[in-house]
Amino acid sequence: MNPHDRLLLDAARAGDTDAVRAALAAGAAPETRDEDLRTPLLLAVLGDHLRAAEVLVAAGADPNAPDSRADSPWLVTGVTGSVRMMRALLPAGPDLTQRNRFGGISLIPAAERGHVGYVRAVLAETDVRVDHVNRLGWTALLEAVILGDGGSRHEEVVRLLLAAGADPWLADSEGVTAYEHAVRRGFAGLARLLAAAQDRSGGDGRSGP
């Protein structure tokens, strides 16, 4: 590996913005990879090193470059829930349809983890598909209920998803809706939100993607 590339990877991982600039100026490649195929931008995003990421984006770094686990800088913003990093990557043109190893887009892990600010921002500032279905048969709405804790953060995530047009009747691969999952898990607040949403949508009992 070019020694400048190694310096760039180390600088991005540490969030050393000056060292990132120096390595790039010395000829380091923005798309160089470490042993796990992580680019400098992905390393900066993982550490939430905003300034380093901004320098890399300005240098043309790819927000969609996947590593060995099919994670990318853009997808990882949904995992970390960093709104400022999400916004830093938008000028680079991230692929909103890019899928992680579970077949999910960035919105889905954000919903699962209860990242309210991220969910609010990505729904308002991008054209992300709110009802995308991953390989498990789950949408962001389903994942917020199935893997969430039923608390106030996940209730707010569900409100945001429903306000953005999420279909409360979409069921998982076994035909179970988010409302039914909420009832099964004893999440009374989520069950009320979802029941009201089903009523508003006409109460037609639809299920399935």
N, C-alpha and C. Protein backbone atom coordinates (compact mmCIF):
# COMPACT_ATOMS: atom_id res chain seq x y z
N MET A 1 0.85 -1.20 0.00
CA MET A 1 0.00 0.00 0.00
C MET A 1 0.89 1.25 0.00
N ASN A 2 0.48 2.22 -0.80
CA ASN A 2 1.16 3.51 -0.81
C ASN A 2 1.19 4.07 0.62
N PRO A 3 2.34 4.52 1.10
CA PRO A 3 2.40 5.03 2.48
C PRO A 3 1.47 6.21 2.73
N HIS A 4 1.21 7.00 1.71
CA HIS A 4 0.27 8.12 1.88
C HIS A 4 -1.16 7.61 2.05
N ASP A 5 -1.46 6.50 1.38
CA ASP A 5 -2.79 5.90 1.55
C ASP A 5 -2.97 5.41 2.99
N ARG A 6 -1.95 4.78 3.54
CA ARG A 6 -2.02 4.32 4.93
C ARG A 6 -2.18 5.50 5.88
N LEU A 7 -1.46 6.57 5.63
CA LEU A 7 -1.60 7.77 6.46
C LEU A 7 -3.01 8.33 6.38
N LEU A 8 -3.59 8.28 5.18
CA LEU A 8 -4.96 8.79 5.02
C LEU A 8 -5.95 7.94 5.80
N LEU A 9 -5.81 6.64 5.71
CA LEU A 9 -6.70 5.74 6.47
C LEU A 9 -6.58 5.99 7.97
N ASP A 10 -5.35 6.09 8.45
CA ASP A 10 -5.14 6.31 9.88
C ASP A 10 -5.68 7.67 10.32
N ALA A 11 -5.49 8.69 9.48
CA ALA A 11 -5.97 10.03 9.82
C ALA A 11 -7.49 10.08 9.85
N ALA A 12 -8.13 9.42 8.89
CA ALA A 12 -9.59 9.40 8.85
C ALA A 12 -10.15 8.66 10.05
N ARG A 13 -9.52 7.55 10.41
CA ARG A 13 -9.97 6.77 11.57
C ARG A 13 -9.87 7.60 12.85
N ALA A 14 -8.83 8.39 12.95
CA ALA A 14 -8.60 9.20 14.15
C ALA A 14 -9.35 10.53 14.11
N GLY A 15 -9.87 10.89 12.96
CA GLY A 15 -10.54 12.19 12.84
C GLY A 15 -9.57 13.35 12.82
N ASP A 16 -8.36 13.11 12.34
CA ASP A 16 -7.34 14.16 12.26
C ASP A 16 -7.48 14.87 10.92
N THR A 17 -8.24 15.95 10.92
CA THR A 17 -8.57 16.63 9.67
C THR A 17 -7.34 17.18 8.96
N ASP A 18 -6.41 17.75 9.71
CA ASP A 18 -5.19 18.29 9.10
C ASP A 18 -4.39 17.18 8.43
N ALA A 19 -4.31 16.03 9.08
CA ALA A 19 -3.57 14.91 8.51
C ALA A 19 -4.28 14.34 7.28
N VAL A 20 -5.61 14.39 7.29
CA VAL A 20 -6.37 13.97 6.11
C VAL A 20 -6.03 14.87 4.93
N ARG A 21 -6.04 16.17 5.18
CA ARG A 21 -5.71 17.11 4.11
C ARG A 21 -4.28 16.89 3.60
N ALA A 22 -3.36 16.68 4.52
CA ALA A 22 -1.95 16.50 4.14
C ALA A 22 -1.77 15.23 3.31
N ALA A 23 -2.42 14.16 3.71
CA ALA A 23 -2.29 12.90 2.97
C ALA A 23 -2.87 13.03 1.57
N LEU A 24 -4.01 13.69 1.46
CA LEU A 24 -4.61 13.91 0.14
C LEU A 24 -3.69 14.77 -0.73
N ALA A 25 -3.13 15.81 -0.13
CA ALA A 25 -2.23 16.70 -0.87
C ALA A 25 -0.97 15.97 -1.34
N ALA A 26 -0.58 14.94 -0.59
CA ALA A 26 0.61 14.17 -0.93
C ALA A 26 0.33 13.09 -1.96
N GLY A 27 -0.95 12.95 -2.33
CA GLY A 27 -1.28 11.99 -3.37
C GLY A 27 -2.03 10.76 -2.92
N ALA A 28 -2.48 10.72 -1.69
CA ALA A 28 -3.27 9.58 -1.23
C ALA A 28 -4.57 9.49 -2.01
N ALA A 29 -5.03 8.27 -2.26
CA ALA A 29 -6.26 8.05 -3.02
C ALA A 29 -7.46 8.07 -2.08
N PRO A 30 -8.47 8.90 -2.36
CA PRO A 30 -9.66 8.95 -1.49
C PRO A 30 -10.36 7.61 -1.36
N GLU A 31 -10.21 6.74 -2.37
CA GLU A 31 -10.90 5.45 -2.34
C GLU A 31 -10.00 4.29 -1.94
N THR A 32 -8.86 4.58 -1.32
CA THR A 32 -8.01 3.50 -0.82
C THR A 32 -8.79 2.70 0.23
N ARG A 33 -8.41 1.46 0.44
CA ARG A 33 -9.15 0.58 1.35
C ARG A 33 -8.21 -0.03 2.39
N ASP A 34 -8.78 -0.31 3.58
CA ASP A 34 -8.02 -1.04 4.58
C ASP A 34 -8.27 -2.54 4.41
N GLU A 35 -7.84 -3.34 5.34
CA GLU A 35 -7.95 -4.79 5.21
C GLU A 35 -9.40 -5.27 5.20
N ASP A 36 -10.32 -4.45 5.70
CA ASP A 36 -11.74 -4.79 5.69
C ASP A 36 -12.49 -4.06 4.57
N LEU A 37 -11.75 -3.53 3.64
CA LEU A 37 -12.29 -2.80 2.48
C LEU A 37 -12.99 -1.50 2.87
N ARG A 38 -12.66 -0.97 4.03
CA ARG A 38 -13.24 0.31 4.45
C ARG A 38 -12.44 1.46 3.86
N THR A 39 -13.15 2.41 3.29
CA THR A 39 -12.51 3.60 2.74
C THR A 39 -12.26 4.61 3.85
N PRO A 40 -11.43 5.62 3.58
CA PRO A 40 -11.24 6.68 4.58
C PRO A 40 -12.57 7.34 4.98
N LEU A 41 -13.46 7.55 4.01
CA LEU A 41 -14.73 8.18 4.35
C LEU A 41 -15.55 7.30 5.28
N LEU A 42 -15.57 6.01 5.03
CA LEU A 42 -16.31 5.12 5.93
C LEU A 42 -15.72 5.15 7.33
N LEU A 43 -14.41 5.18 7.44
CA LEU A 43 -13.78 5.24 8.75
C LEU A 43 -14.13 6.54 9.47
N ALA A 44 -14.16 7.64 8.73
CA ALA A 44 -14.54 8.92 9.33
C ALA A 44 -15.99 8.90 9.79
N VAL A 45 -16.86 8.30 8.99
CA VAL A 45 -18.28 8.23 9.35
C VAL A 45 -18.47 7.36 10.58
N LEU A 46 -17.78 6.24 10.63
CA LEU A 46 -17.90 5.34 11.79
C LEU A 46 -17.52 6.05 13.08
N GLY A 47 -16.54 6.94 13.00
CA GLY A 47 -16.11 7.69 14.19
C GLY A 47 -16.85 9.00 14.37
N ASP A 48 -17.78 9.30 13.47
CA ASP A 48 -18.52 10.57 13.46
C ASP A 48 -17.57 11.76 13.44
N HIS A 49 -16.52 11.63 12.63
CA HIS A 49 -15.54 12.71 12.48
C HIS A 49 -15.98 13.61 11.32
N LEU A 50 -16.80 14.60 11.66
CA LEU A 50 -17.48 15.39 10.64
C LEU A 50 -16.52 16.15 9.74
N ARG A 51 -15.56 16.86 10.31
CA ARG A 51 -14.67 17.70 9.50
C ARG A 51 -13.83 16.84 8.55
N ALA A 52 -13.33 15.74 9.04
CA ALA A 52 -12.56 14.85 8.18
C ALA A 52 -13.43 14.33 7.03
N ALA A 53 -14.67 13.98 7.34
CA ALA A 53 -15.59 13.50 6.30
C ALA A 53 -15.86 14.59 5.27
N GLU A 54 -16.03 15.82 5.73
CA GLU A 54 -16.29 16.91 4.79
C GLU A 54 -15.11 17.11 3.83
N VAL A 55 -13.90 17.00 4.35
CA VAL A 55 -12.71 17.13 3.50
C VAL A 55 -12.69 16.01 2.47
N LEU A 56 -13.01 14.80 2.88
CA LEU A 56 -13.01 13.67 1.97
C LEU A 56 -14.11 13.79 0.91
N VAL A 57 -15.28 14.25 1.33
CA VAL A 57 -16.37 14.47 0.36
C VAL A 57 -15.94 15.51 -0.68
N ALA A 58 -15.31 16.58 -0.22
CA ALA A 58 -14.84 17.61 -1.14
C ALA A 58 -13.79 17.07 -2.10
N ALA A 59 -13.07 16.02 -1.67
CA ALA A 59 -12.05 15.41 -2.52
C ALA A 59 -12.64 14.36 -3.46
N GLY A 60 -13.95 14.16 -3.39
CA GLY A 60 -14.61 13.23 -4.30
C GLY A 60 -14.84 11.84 -3.76
N ALA A 61 -14.73 11.66 -2.45
CA ALA A 61 -14.94 10.34 -1.86
C ALA A 61 -16.35 9.84 -2.11
N ASP A 62 -16.48 8.54 -2.33
CA ASP A 62 -17.74 7.92 -2.68
C ASP A 62 -18.53 7.55 -1.43
N PRO A 63 -19.74 8.12 -1.25
CA PRO A 63 -20.52 7.77 -0.06
C PRO A 63 -21.15 6.39 -0.13
N ASN A 64 -21.06 5.75 -1.29
CA ASN A 64 -21.71 4.45 -1.49
C ASN A 64 -20.73 3.28 -1.52
N ALA A 65 -19.44 3.54 -1.29
CA ALA A 65 -18.43 2.49 -1.41
C ALA A 65 -18.61 1.46 -0.29
N PRO A 66 -18.92 0.19 -0.63
CA PRO A 66 -19.17 -0.81 0.41
C PRO A 66 -17.89 -1.46 0.92
N ASP A 67 -17.93 -1.89 2.17
CA ASP A 67 -16.81 -2.64 2.73
C ASP A 67 -17.11 -4.13 2.65
N SER A 68 -16.35 -4.94 3.35
CA SER A 68 -16.52 -6.39 3.28
C SER A 68 -17.82 -6.87 3.91
N ARG A 69 -18.46 -6.01 4.70
CA ARG A 69 -19.75 -6.36 5.32
C ARG A 69 -20.92 -5.69 4.63
N ALA A 70 -20.67 -5.10 3.47
CA ALA A 70 -21.70 -4.39 2.69
C ALA A 70 -22.18 -3.13 3.40
N ASP A 71 -21.37 -2.61 4.32
CA ASP A 71 -21.64 -1.30 4.90
C ASP A 71 -20.99 -0.24 4.02
N SER A 72 -21.57 0.93 3.99
CA SER A 72 -21.02 2.05 3.23
C SER A 72 -21.12 3.30 4.11
N PRO A 73 -20.44 4.37 3.73
CA PRO A 73 -20.58 5.60 4.52
C PRO A 73 -22.04 6.02 4.68
N TRP A 74 -22.80 5.98 3.60
CA TRP A 74 -24.20 6.40 3.70
C TRP A 74 -25.01 5.46 4.58
N LEU A 75 -24.88 4.17 4.39
CA LEU A 75 -25.65 3.22 5.19
C LEU A 75 -25.32 3.34 6.67
N VAL A 76 -24.06 3.62 6.98
CA VAL A 76 -23.65 3.71 8.38
C VAL A 76 -24.26 4.92 9.08
N THR A 77 -24.61 5.95 8.34
CA THR A 77 -25.27 7.09 9.00
C THR A 77 -26.59 6.67 9.65
N GLY A 78 -27.27 5.69 9.05
CA GLY A 78 -28.50 5.19 9.65
C GLY A 78 -28.26 4.40 10.91
N VAL A 79 -27.09 3.77 11.00
CA VAL A 79 -26.72 3.01 12.20
C VAL A 79 -26.31 3.95 13.33
N THR A 80 -25.48 4.92 13.02
CA THR A 80 -25.02 5.85 14.06
C THR A 80 -26.08 6.88 14.40
N GLY A 81 -26.95 7.19 13.45
CA GLY A 81 -27.98 8.18 13.68
C GLY A 81 -27.47 9.61 13.65
N SER A 82 -26.31 9.83 13.04
CA SER A 82 -25.71 11.16 13.02
C SER A 82 -26.34 12.02 11.93
N VAL A 83 -27.14 12.97 12.33
CA VAL A 83 -27.81 13.86 11.37
C VAL A 83 -26.78 14.74 10.68
N ARG A 84 -25.82 15.23 11.41
CA ARG A 84 -24.83 16.12 10.81
C ARG A 84 -24.00 15.38 9.78
N MET A 85 -23.70 14.10 10.01
CA MET A 85 -22.96 13.32 9.03
C MET A 85 -23.82 13.01 7.82
N MET A 86 -25.08 12.69 8.05
CA MET A 86 -26.00 12.48 6.94
C MET A 86 -26.01 13.68 6.02
N ARG A 87 -26.10 14.87 6.61
CA ARG A 87 -26.14 16.10 5.81
C ARG A 87 -24.81 16.36 5.12
N ALA A 88 -23.71 15.97 5.74
CA ALA A 88 -22.40 16.16 5.12
C ALA A 88 -22.25 15.29 3.88
N LEU A 89 -22.93 14.13 3.85
CA LEU A 89 -22.81 13.23 2.72
C LEU A 89 -23.78 13.54 1.59
N LEU A 90 -24.82 14.28 1.88
CA LEU A 90 -25.83 14.56 0.84
C LEU A 90 -25.23 15.21 -0.41
N PRO A 91 -24.30 16.17 -0.30
CA PRO A 91 -23.73 16.76 -1.52
C PRO A 91 -22.98 15.76 -2.39
N ALA A 92 -22.60 14.62 -1.83
CA ALA A 92 -21.86 13.60 -2.58
C ALA A 92 -22.79 12.69 -3.38
N GLY A 93 -24.09 12.89 -3.24
CA GLY A 93 -25.05 12.10 -4.00
C GLY A 93 -25.18 10.66 -3.56
N PRO A 94 -25.48 10.40 -2.30
CA PRO A 94 -25.62 9.01 -1.85
C PRO A 94 -26.79 8.32 -2.54
N ASP A 95 -26.63 7.02 -2.71
CA ASP A 95 -27.68 6.19 -3.30
C ASP A 95 -28.68 5.83 -2.21
N LEU A 96 -29.84 6.44 -2.25
CA LEU A 96 -30.84 6.22 -1.21
C LEU A 96 -31.43 4.81 -1.24
N THR A 97 -31.21 4.10 -2.33
CA THR A 97 -31.73 2.73 -2.46
C THR A 97 -30.68 1.68 -2.11
N GLN A 98 -29.47 2.12 -1.76
CA GLN A 98 -28.42 1.15 -1.44
C GLN A 98 -28.82 0.30 -0.25
N ARG A 99 -28.51 -1.00 -0.34
CA ARG A 99 -28.95 -1.95 0.68
C ARG A 99 -27.78 -2.52 1.46
N ASN A 100 -28.02 -2.73 2.75
CA ASN A 100 -27.01 -3.37 3.59
C ASN A 100 -27.11 -4.89 3.46
N ARG A 101 -26.37 -5.61 4.27
CA ARG A 101 -26.35 -7.07 4.13
C ARG A 101 -27.69 -7.71 4.48
N PHE A 102 -28.57 -6.98 5.12
CA PHE A 102 -29.91 -7.49 5.42
C PHE A 102 -30.93 -7.04 4.38
N GLY A 103 -30.46 -6.32 3.36
CA GLY A 103 -31.37 -5.83 2.34
C GLY A 103 -32.09 -4.55 2.72
N GLY A 104 -31.62 -3.89 3.77
CA GLY A 104 -32.27 -2.68 4.24
C GLY A 104 -31.57 -1.42 3.80
N ILE A 105 -32.31 -0.34 3.69
CA ILE A 105 -31.75 0.99 3.42
C ILE A 105 -31.46 1.68 4.74
N SER A 106 -30.84 2.85 4.68
CA SER A 106 -30.37 3.50 5.91
C SER A 106 -31.49 3.82 6.90
N LEU A 107 -32.69 4.03 6.39
CA LEU A 107 -33.82 4.37 7.26
C LEU A 107 -34.15 3.24 8.23
N ILE A 108 -33.96 2.01 7.81
CA ILE A 108 -34.41 0.88 8.63
C ILE A 108 -33.60 0.71 9.91
N PRO A 109 -32.28 0.66 9.87
CA PRO A 109 -31.56 0.58 11.15
C PRO A 109 -31.76 1.81 12.03
N ALA A 110 -31.97 2.97 11.40
CA ALA A 110 -32.24 4.17 12.20
C ALA A 110 -33.55 4.03 12.96
N ALA A 111 -34.56 3.47 12.30
CA ALA A 111 -35.85 3.25 12.96
C ALA A 111 -35.72 2.22 14.07
N GLU A 112 -34.98 1.15 13.80
CA GLU A 112 -34.78 0.10 14.80
C GLU A 112 -34.13 0.66 16.06
N ARG A 113 -33.14 1.53 15.89
CA ARG A 113 -32.39 2.05 17.03
C ARG A 113 -33.04 3.26 17.69
N GLY A 114 -34.15 3.71 17.16
CA GLY A 114 -34.84 4.85 17.76
C GLY A 114 -34.12 6.16 17.55
N HIS A 115 -33.44 6.31 16.42
CA HIS A 115 -32.74 7.56 16.11
C HIS A 115 -33.75 8.58 15.55
N VAL A 116 -34.44 9.23 16.46
CA VAL A 116 -35.54 10.12 16.08
C VAL A 116 -35.06 11.24 15.16
N GLY A 117 -33.99 11.92 15.53
CA GLY A 117 -33.51 13.04 14.72
C GLY A 117 -33.15 12.61 13.31
N TYR A 118 -32.50 11.47 13.19
CA TYR A 118 -32.10 10.99 11.87
C TYR A 118 -33.33 10.64 11.04
N VAL A 119 -34.26 9.91 11.63
CA VAL A 119 -35.46 9.54 10.89
C VAL A 119 -36.20 10.78 10.43
N ARG A 120 -36.34 11.76 11.31
CA ARG A 120 -37.00 13.00 10.93
C ARG A 120 -36.28 13.69 9.77
N ALA A 121 -34.97 13.78 9.87
CA ALA A 121 -34.21 14.51 8.85
C ALA A 121 -34.18 13.78 7.52
N VAL A 122 -33.95 12.47 7.53
CA VAL A 122 -33.83 11.75 6.27
C VAL A 122 -35.17 11.70 5.54
N LEU A 123 -36.27 11.66 6.29
CA LEU A 123 -37.58 11.69 5.66
C LEU A 123 -37.89 13.07 5.08
N ALA A 124 -37.46 14.11 5.77
CA ALA A 124 -37.76 15.47 5.33
C ALA A 124 -36.84 15.96 4.22
N GLU A 125 -35.60 15.49 4.21
CA GLU A 125 -34.58 16.08 3.34
C GLU A 125 -34.17 15.20 2.16
N THR A 126 -34.72 13.99 2.08
CA THR A 126 -34.40 13.11 0.96
C THR A 126 -35.69 12.47 0.45
N ASP A 127 -35.54 11.71 -0.63
CA ASP A 127 -36.67 10.96 -1.19
C ASP A 127 -36.59 9.49 -0.82
N VAL A 128 -36.07 9.19 0.34
CA VAL A 128 -35.94 7.81 0.77
C VAL A 128 -37.32 7.14 0.77
N ARG A 129 -37.34 5.88 0.39
CA ARG A 129 -38.61 5.14 0.29
C ARG A 129 -39.02 4.62 1.66
N VAL A 130 -40.10 5.15 2.17
CA VAL A 130 -40.48 4.85 3.55
C VAL A 130 -40.93 3.41 3.73
N ASP A 131 -41.48 2.79 2.69
CA ASP A 131 -41.98 1.42 2.82
C ASP A 131 -41.06 0.38 2.18
N HIS A 132 -39.78 0.68 2.08
CA HIS A 132 -38.82 -0.31 1.58
C HIS A 132 -38.87 -1.56 2.46
N VAL A 133 -38.85 -2.73 1.83
CA VAL A 133 -38.91 -4.00 2.55
C VAL A 133 -37.55 -4.70 2.45
N ASN A 134 -36.98 -5.09 3.59
CA ASN A 134 -35.67 -5.76 3.57
C ASN A 134 -35.85 -7.27 3.38
N ARG A 135 -34.74 -8.01 3.42
CA ARG A 135 -34.80 -9.45 3.16
C ARG A 135 -35.53 -10.22 4.25
N LEU A 136 -35.69 -9.62 5.41
CA LEU A 136 -36.44 -10.26 6.49
C LEU A 136 -37.93 -10.05 6.34
N GLY A 137 -38.30 -9.23 5.35
CA GLY A 137 -39.71 -8.92 5.15
C GLY A 137 -40.19 -7.77 6.01
N TRP A 138 -39.25 -6.95 6.49
CA TRP A 138 -39.59 -5.86 7.40
C TRP A 138 -39.38 -4.50 6.75
N THR A 139 -40.30 -3.60 7.01
CA THR A 139 -40.13 -2.18 6.69
C THR A 139 -39.54 -1.47 7.90
N ALA A 140 -39.25 -0.18 7.74
CA ALA A 140 -38.77 0.59 8.89
C ALA A 140 -39.82 0.59 10.00
N LEU A 141 -41.09 0.68 9.62
CA LEU A 141 -42.17 0.68 10.61
C LEU A 141 -42.19 -0.63 11.38
N LEU A 142 -42.12 -1.73 10.67
CA LEU A 142 -42.11 -3.03 11.34
C LEU A 142 -40.88 -3.19 12.23
N GLU A 143 -39.73 -2.76 11.74
CA GLU A 143 -38.50 -2.94 12.51
C GLU A 143 -38.52 -2.09 13.78
N ALA A 144 -39.11 -0.91 13.71
CA ALA A 144 -39.20 -0.06 14.90
C ALA A 144 -40.02 -0.73 16.00
N VAL A 145 -40.98 -1.55 15.60
CA VAL A 145 -41.82 -2.24 16.58
C VAL A 145 -41.18 -3.56 17.00
N ILE A 146 -40.71 -4.33 16.02
CA ILE A 146 -40.21 -5.68 16.31
C ILE A 146 -38.91 -5.64 17.11
N LEU A 147 -38.01 -4.71 16.77
CA LEU A 147 -36.71 -4.65 17.43
C LEU A 147 -36.57 -3.45 18.37
N GLY A 148 -37.57 -2.60 18.43
CA GLY A 148 -37.52 -1.46 19.33
C GLY A 148 -37.90 -1.85 20.75
N ASP A 149 -37.86 -0.85 21.64
CA ASP A 149 -38.17 -1.14 23.05
C ASP A 149 -39.56 -0.66 23.46
N GLY A 150 -40.30 -0.10 22.50
CA GLY A 150 -41.65 0.35 22.82
C GLY A 150 -41.73 1.65 23.58
N GLY A 151 -40.59 2.30 23.79
CA GLY A 151 -40.56 3.53 24.56
C GLY A 151 -40.84 4.77 23.73
N SER A 152 -40.59 5.93 24.34
CA SER A 152 -40.96 7.20 23.71
C SER A 152 -40.22 7.45 22.40
N ARG A 153 -38.96 7.04 22.33
CA ARG A 153 -38.21 7.28 21.08
C ARG A 153 -38.79 6.47 19.93
N HIS A 154 -39.12 5.23 20.17
CA HIS A 154 -39.69 4.42 19.10
C HIS A 154 -41.12 4.85 18.78
N GLU A 155 -41.85 5.34 19.77
CA GLU A 155 -43.17 5.89 19.47
C GLU A 155 -43.05 7.10 18.53
N GLU A 156 -42.06 7.96 18.78
CA GLU A 156 -41.87 9.12 17.92
C GLU A 156 -41.43 8.69 16.52
N VAL A 157 -40.57 7.70 16.44
CA VAL A 157 -40.16 7.18 15.13
C VAL A 157 -41.38 6.67 14.37
N VAL A 158 -42.24 5.94 15.03
CA VAL A 158 -43.45 5.44 14.37
C VAL A 158 -44.33 6.59 13.92
N ARG A 159 -44.48 7.61 14.75
CA ARG A 159 -45.26 8.79 14.33
C ARG A 159 -44.69 9.41 13.07
N LEU A 160 -43.38 9.57 13.03
CA LEU A 160 -42.72 10.19 11.88
C LEU A 160 -42.91 9.34 10.63
N LEU A 161 -42.76 8.05 10.77
CA LEU A 161 -42.92 7.17 9.61
C LEU A 161 -44.35 7.20 9.09
N LEU A 162 -45.30 7.18 10.00
CA LEU A 162 -46.71 7.24 9.57
C LEU A 162 -47.02 8.58 8.92
N ALA A 163 -46.50 9.66 9.48
CA ALA A 163 -46.73 10.99 8.89
C ALA A 163 -46.12 11.09 7.50
N ALA A 164 -45.04 10.32 7.26
CA ALA A 164 -44.39 10.34 5.95
C ALA A 164 -45.04 9.39 4.96
N GLY A 165 -46.11 8.72 5.39
CA GLY A 165 -46.86 7.87 4.48
C GLY A 165 -46.62 6.38 4.62
N ALA A 166 -45.93 5.95 5.67
CA ALA A 166 -45.73 4.51 5.87
C ALA A 166 -47.08 3.81 5.96
N ASP A 167 -47.19 2.68 5.29
CA ASP A 167 -48.45 1.93 5.25
C ASP A 167 -48.57 1.06 6.49
N PRO A 168 -49.53 1.35 7.38
CA PRO A 168 -49.65 0.57 8.61
C PRO A 168 -50.16 -0.84 8.39
N TRP A 169 -50.65 -1.12 7.17
CA TRP A 169 -51.17 -2.45 6.88
C TRP A 169 -50.12 -3.39 6.29
N LEU A 170 -48.95 -2.87 5.95
CA LEU A 170 -47.91 -3.75 5.40
C LEU A 170 -47.48 -4.75 6.48
N ALA A 171 -47.55 -6.02 6.14
CA ALA A 171 -47.23 -7.07 7.11
C ALA A 171 -45.85 -7.66 6.82
N ASP A 172 -45.33 -8.40 7.79
CA ASP A 172 -44.06 -9.07 7.57
C ASP A 172 -44.26 -10.32 6.71
N SER A 173 -43.21 -11.11 6.54
CA SER A 173 -43.30 -12.27 5.66
C SER A 173 -44.23 -13.36 6.18
N GLU A 174 -44.62 -13.24 7.45
CA GLU A 174 -45.57 -14.20 8.02
C GLU A 174 -46.97 -13.63 8.12
N GLY A 175 -47.16 -12.43 7.56
CA GLY A 175 -48.49 -11.83 7.53
C GLY A 175 -48.87 -11.08 8.79
N VAL A 176 -47.89 -10.75 9.63
CA VAL A 176 -48.17 -10.05 10.89
C VAL A 176 -47.87 -8.57 10.70
N THR A 177 -48.83 -7.72 11.02
CA THR A 177 -48.66 -6.28 10.86
C THR A 177 -47.92 -5.67 12.05
N ALA A 178 -47.49 -4.43 11.88
CA ALA A 178 -46.81 -3.73 12.97
C ALA A 178 -47.73 -3.62 14.19
N TYR A 179 -49.02 -3.33 13.95
CA TYR A 179 -49.98 -3.26 15.06
C TYR A 179 -50.02 -4.58 15.82
N GLU A 180 -50.09 -5.68 15.10
CA GLU A 180 -50.16 -6.98 15.76
C GLU A 180 -48.89 -7.28 16.55
N HIS A 181 -47.75 -6.90 16.00
CA HIS A 181 -46.50 -7.07 16.73
C HIS A 181 -46.50 -6.23 18.01
N ALA A 182 -47.01 -5.00 17.92
CA ALA A 182 -47.06 -4.13 19.09
C ALA A 182 -47.93 -4.74 20.19
N VAL A 183 -49.06 -5.30 19.80
CA VAL A 183 -49.95 -5.94 20.78
C VAL A 183 -49.25 -7.14 21.41
N ARG A 184 -48.61 -7.96 20.59
CA ARG A 184 -47.93 -9.15 21.10
C ARG A 184 -46.83 -8.80 22.08
N ARG A 185 -46.15 -7.66 21.84
CA ARG A 185 -45.03 -7.27 22.71
C ARG A 185 -45.48 -6.42 23.90
N GLY A 186 -46.76 -6.13 23.97
CA GLY A 186 -47.26 -5.36 25.09
C GLY A 186 -46.95 -3.88 25.01
N PHE A 187 -46.74 -3.37 23.80
CA PHE A 187 -46.43 -1.95 23.60
C PHE A 187 -47.74 -1.19 23.36
N ALA A 188 -48.38 -0.81 24.44
CA ALA A 188 -49.72 -0.23 24.34
C ALA A 188 -49.71 1.09 23.56
N GLY A 189 -48.71 1.94 23.81
CA GLY A 189 -48.66 3.21 23.12
C GLY A 189 -48.50 3.04 21.62
N LEU A 190 -47.60 2.15 21.22
CA LEU A 190 -47.41 1.89 19.79
C LEU A 190 -48.66 1.27 19.19
N ALA A 191 -49.30 0.37 19.91
CA ALA A 191 -50.52 -0.25 19.40
C ALA A 191 -51.60 0.79 19.14
N ARG A 192 -51.73 1.77 20.03
CA ARG A 192 -52.73 2.83 19.83
C ARG A 192 -52.40 3.66 18.58
N LEU A 193 -51.13 4.02 18.42
CA LEU A 193 -50.72 4.80 17.26
C LEU A 193 -51.04 4.05 15.96
N LEU A 194 -50.71 2.78 15.95
CA LEU A 194 -50.88 2.00 14.73
C LEU A 194 -52.34 1.69 14.46
N ALA A 195 -53.11 1.45 15.50
CA ALA A 195 -54.55 1.23 15.31
C ALA A 195 -55.21 2.47 14.73
N ALA A 196 -54.83 3.64 15.25
CA ALA A 196 -55.38 4.89 14.74
C ALA A 196 -55.00 5.09 13.27
N ALA A 197 -53.78 4.74 12.94
CA ALA A 197 -53.32 4.88 11.55
C ALA A 197 -54.09 3.94 10.63
N GLN A 198 -54.34 2.74 11.09
CA GLN A 198 -55.13 1.81 10.29
C GLN A 198 -56.55 2.33 10.09
N ASP A 199 -57.11 2.90 11.13
CA ASP A 199 -58.45 3.47 11.02
C ASP A 199 -58.48 4.61 10.01
N ARG A 200 -57.46 5.48 10.06
CA ARG A 200 -57.41 6.61 9.13
C ARG A 200 -57.25 6.16 7.68
N SER A 201 -56.57 5.01 7.51
CA SER A 201 -56.34 4.54 6.15
C SER A 201 -57.52 3.78 5.57
N GLY A 202 -58.56 3.65 6.37
CA GLY A 202 -59.78 3.02 5.86
C GLY A 202 -60.12 1.71 6.51
N GLY A 203 -59.17 1.18 7.30
CA GLY A 203 -59.47 -0.04 8.03
C GLY A 203 -59.83 -1.19 7.13
N ASP A 204 -59.14 -1.31 5.96
CA ASP A 204 -59.53 -2.33 5.00
C ASP A 204 -58.87 -3.68 5.22
N GLY A 205 -58.00 -3.74 6.25
CA GLY A 205 -57.43 -5.03 6.59
C GLY A 205 -56.38 -5.54 5.62
N ARG A 206 -55.84 -4.66 4.79
CA ARG A 206 -54.80 -5.11 3.85
C ARG A 206 -53.59 -5.57 4.63
N SER A 207 -52.86 -6.49 4.06
CA SER A 207 -51.60 -6.90 4.65
C SER A 207 -50.69 -7.40 3.55
N GLY A 208 -49.39 -7.36 3.86
CA GLY A 208 -48.39 -7.82 2.89
C GLY A 208 -47.87 -6.70 2.06
N PRO A 209 -46.62 -6.84 1.56
CA PRO A 209 -46.00 -5.80 0.75
C PRO A 209 -46.73 -5.60 -0.55
